[in-house]
Each structure stands twice: as C-alpha cells, then as structure tokens.
Amino acid sequence: MQTLFNMKKLLGIVVLGLLWSGNAYSNEAPYYENSLNTNILEYGWEIVSKTDGGLVATEIYTLKKNNWTLICNVDTAQITTICALP
C-alpha cells in the first residue's frame, strides 16, 4: 500500500515538473523569415495592418502571432523583404 502511494506521489511530481517546464520556453520569439508569404503561410503570422512606406514602391506590413508583433518592409521595386521583431 505504501509503495502504491509513493508511486502516485512520484507520478504527481513528474507531471507537475513537466507542466512547469513547458512554460520555460513560452517567451521565446516565434519563427519568422524575410518573406511575407512564408511568414503567413508556413509560420501562422496574421496581417494586422498595411501602410505605405512613404517611398516609391514600399509597403510596411504589421503582422501578429500570439503576443508578438513582426514588421515587414516590402520593397517591390527591388523585390526585397526585410522582417524584424521590434
């Protein structure tokens, strides 16, 4: 009877340890690349807003995922995209 109690206690400690260790990585930044399409289609980012960058053929996209914000500057004249976390 004592052995069963000890095994349940050990199982409870292991389960609680796994639950707590899962939160250790919760503040890690999500994956992203310098591609607007890849960030949306593969990594699950969602467009929140799109604004004109003020320069010719430049657009700035603001994307969100969980509590993270990603800013992507798309230059259609040079066909480049640069994304960064603020």
Protein backbone atom coordinates (compact mmCIF):
# COMPACT_ATOMS: atom_id res chain seq x y z
CA MET A 1 0.00 0.00 0.00
CA GLN A 2 2.85 2.38 0.88
CA THR A 3 4.59 1.57 -2.43
CA LEU A 4 1.45 2.49 -4.40
CA PHE A 5 1.21 5.79 -2.52
CA ASN A 6 4.87 6.57 -3.24
CA MET A 7 4.44 5.76 -6.94
CA LYS A 8 1.40 8.09 -7.17
CA LYS A 9 3.36 10.79 -5.40
CA LEU A 10 6.29 10.35 -7.80
CA LEU A 11 3.95 10.44 -10.79
CA GLY A 12 2.39 13.66 -9.48
CA ILE A 13 5.82 15.26 -9.09
CA VAL A 14 6.82 14.24 -12.62
CA VAL A 15 3.59 15.58 -14.15
CA LEU A 16 3.88 18.90 -12.30
CA GLY A 17 7.51 19.20 -13.33
CA LEU A 18 6.61 18.70 -16.98
CA LEU A 19 3.82 21.27 -16.77
CA TRP A 20 6.11 23.87 -15.21
CA SER A 21 8.96 23.22 -17.63
CA GLY A 22 6.62 23.85 -20.58
CA ASN A 23 6.33 27.49 -19.51
CA ALA A 24 10.09 27.98 -19.57
CA TYR A 25 10.02 28.48 -23.35
CA SER A 26 6.80 30.49 -23.59
CA ASN A 27 8.63 33.80 -24.06
CA GLU A 28 10.74 32.60 -26.98
CA ALA A 29 10.15 34.56 -30.16
CA PRO A 30 8.25 32.62 -32.83
CA TYR A 31 9.97 31.69 -36.08
CA TYR A 32 9.99 34.14 -38.97
CA GLU A 33 11.84 34.75 -42.21
CA ASN A 34 12.41 37.67 -44.58
CA SER A 35 9.45 36.56 -46.69
CA LEU A 36 5.95 37.90 -46.13
CA ASN A 37 4.30 34.88 -47.77
CA THR A 38 6.36 32.35 -45.82
CA ASN A 39 5.58 34.07 -42.53
CA ILE A 40 1.85 33.98 -43.26
CA LEU A 41 1.52 30.55 -44.87
CA GLU A 42 4.12 28.48 -43.03
CA TYR A 43 4.58 30.17 -39.65
CA GLY A 44 1.00 31.32 -38.99
CA TRP A 45 1.52 35.09 -38.74
CA GLU A 46 -1.55 37.24 -39.46
CA ILE A 47 -1.59 40.64 -41.16
CA VAL A 48 -2.87 43.35 -38.81
CA SER A 49 -2.20 46.42 -40.96
CA LYS A 50 -0.61 47.58 -44.19
CA THR A 51 0.70 51.09 -44.71
CA ASP A 52 2.53 52.97 -47.41
CA GLY A 53 6.21 53.25 -46.53
CA GLY A 54 6.43 56.79 -47.87
CA LEU A 55 8.90 55.77 -50.55
CA VAL A 56 8.11 54.69 -54.07
CA ALA A 57 7.01 51.04 -54.19
CA THR A 58 7.50 50.43 -50.46
CA GLU A 59 4.85 48.89 -48.19
CA ILE A 60 5.07 48.15 -44.46
CA TYR A 61 3.12 45.20 -43.09
CA THR A 62 2.44 44.65 -39.41
CA LEU A 63 1.89 41.01 -38.50
CA LYS A 64 0.82 39.41 -35.20
CA LYS A 65 1.23 35.97 -33.70
CA ASN A 66 0.19 35.39 -30.08
CA ASN A 67 1.55 38.47 -28.25
CA TRP A 68 4.36 39.07 -30.76
CA THR A 69 4.50 41.75 -33.47
CA LEU A 70 6.50 41.43 -36.68
CA ILE A 71 7.20 44.34 -39.03
CA CYS A 72 7.89 43.54 -42.70
CA ASN A 73 9.16 46.19 -45.11
CA VAL A 74 8.38 45.13 -48.68
CA ASP A 75 10.24 46.96 -51.45
CA THR A 76 8.51 45.95 -54.70
CA ALA A 77 10.93 47.94 -56.87
CA GLN A 78 13.94 45.90 -55.74
CA ILE A 79 11.89 42.79 -54.92
CA THR A 80 13.17 42.55 -51.34
CA THR A 81 11.52 41.98 -48.00
CA ILE A 82 13.03 42.64 -44.60
CA CYS A 83 11.19 41.45 -41.48
CA ALA A 84 12.13 42.12 -37.88
CA LEU A 85 10.69 41.97 -34.38
CA PRO A 86 10.50 45.46 -32.84
